[in-house]
Structure formats: C-alpha cells, structure tokens
Protein backbone atom coordinates (compact mmCIF):
# COMPACT_ATOMS: atom_id res chain seq x y z
CA MET A 1 -1.56 -13.98 6.15
CA GLU A 2 0.54 -11.90 8.74
CA GLY A 3 0.24 -11.93 12.43
CA ALA A 4 -0.52 -14.64 15.32
CA LEU A 5 -3.12 -17.51 15.27
CA THR A 6 -6.08 -16.22 17.26
CA ALA A 7 -9.63 -17.48 18.49
CA ALA A 8 -10.22 -13.60 17.57
CA CYS A 9 -9.88 -14.29 14.37
CA PRO A 10 -10.83 -18.22 13.23
CA ALA A 11 -9.44 -17.70 10.07
CA SER A 12 -6.03 -17.08 10.97
CA ALA A 13 -5.54 -20.84 11.66
CA LEU A 14 -5.48 -21.13 7.75
CA GLN A 15 -2.14 -20.06 7.71
CA LEU A 16 -1.34 -23.66 9.12
CA HIS A 17 -2.80 -25.15 6.29
CA LYS A 18 -0.45 -26.20 3.36
CA ASN A 19 -2.70 -25.95 0.11
CA ALA A 20 -4.67 -22.20 1.45
CA VAL A 21 -4.21 -20.08 -1.29
CA LEU A 22 -4.81 -16.47 -0.60
CA VAL A 23 -6.34 -14.20 -3.43
CA ILE A 24 -5.71 -10.36 -2.72
CA ASP A 25 -5.81 -7.44 -4.95
CA GLU A 26 -2.90 -5.15 -5.26
CA ALA A 27 -4.46 -2.03 -2.71
CA ALA A 28 -5.20 -4.82 -0.11
CA ALA A 29 -1.71 -6.36 -0.41
CA SER A 30 -0.08 -3.01 -0.17
CA LYS A 31 -0.85 -3.13 3.42
CA LEU A 32 1.32 -6.28 4.00
CA SER A 33 4.55 -5.82 5.94
CA ASP A 34 6.26 -8.44 4.00
CA ARG A 35 4.74 -7.84 0.49
CA ASP A 36 8.15 -8.03 -1.84
CA PHE A 37 8.55 -11.47 -0.06
CA TYR A 38 5.04 -12.73 -0.95
CA LYS A 39 5.47 -11.41 -4.77
CA HIS A 40 8.89 -13.25 -4.72
CA ILE A 41 7.72 -16.66 -3.55
CA GLU A 42 4.59 -16.34 -5.91
CA VAL A 43 7.08 -15.84 -8.77
CA GLU A 44 9.34 -18.58 -7.98
CA ASN A 45 5.97 -20.83 -7.54
CA GLN A 46 5.13 -20.46 -10.91
CA LYS A 47 8.36 -20.84 -12.36
CA LEU A 48 8.37 -24.50 -10.47
CA LEU A 49 4.80 -25.24 -11.76
CA ALA A 50 6.02 -24.13 -15.42
CA ARG A 51 8.95 -26.60 -14.95
CA LEU A 52 7.01 -29.30 -13.76
CA ALA A 53 4.59 -28.95 -16.36
CA LYS A 54 6.85 -30.02 -19.06
CA PHE A 55 7.40 -33.50 -17.23
C-alpha cells in the first residue's frame, strides 16, 4: 500500500491497479504513515457511492 514498487514484494504492483481493494484491520492500519488520508478517502468514496446509488 505504501512504498515503492519492488520485485522483492511482487504484490506491491497492486498499487497500480485501479480496482485493487485493501482490507486491513485497525491494528495493522495504525502502522500506515498516511492513515488519516486513507480514512478520509474512504469516507469520501462512500459518500460518492451513496449519491450515485440514488440515480
């Protein structure tokens, strides 16, 4: 989720996939350096999806 793409961690290539979804618990998420940003983006995405569902 964070850091450079590297052959040492092939899953890091998922950062480039537009439909990748990361499922992570609060304990693991607490180690992310941009945790507040990711939470903000998730809240905004949920608002957008709710608005789109009305159409």
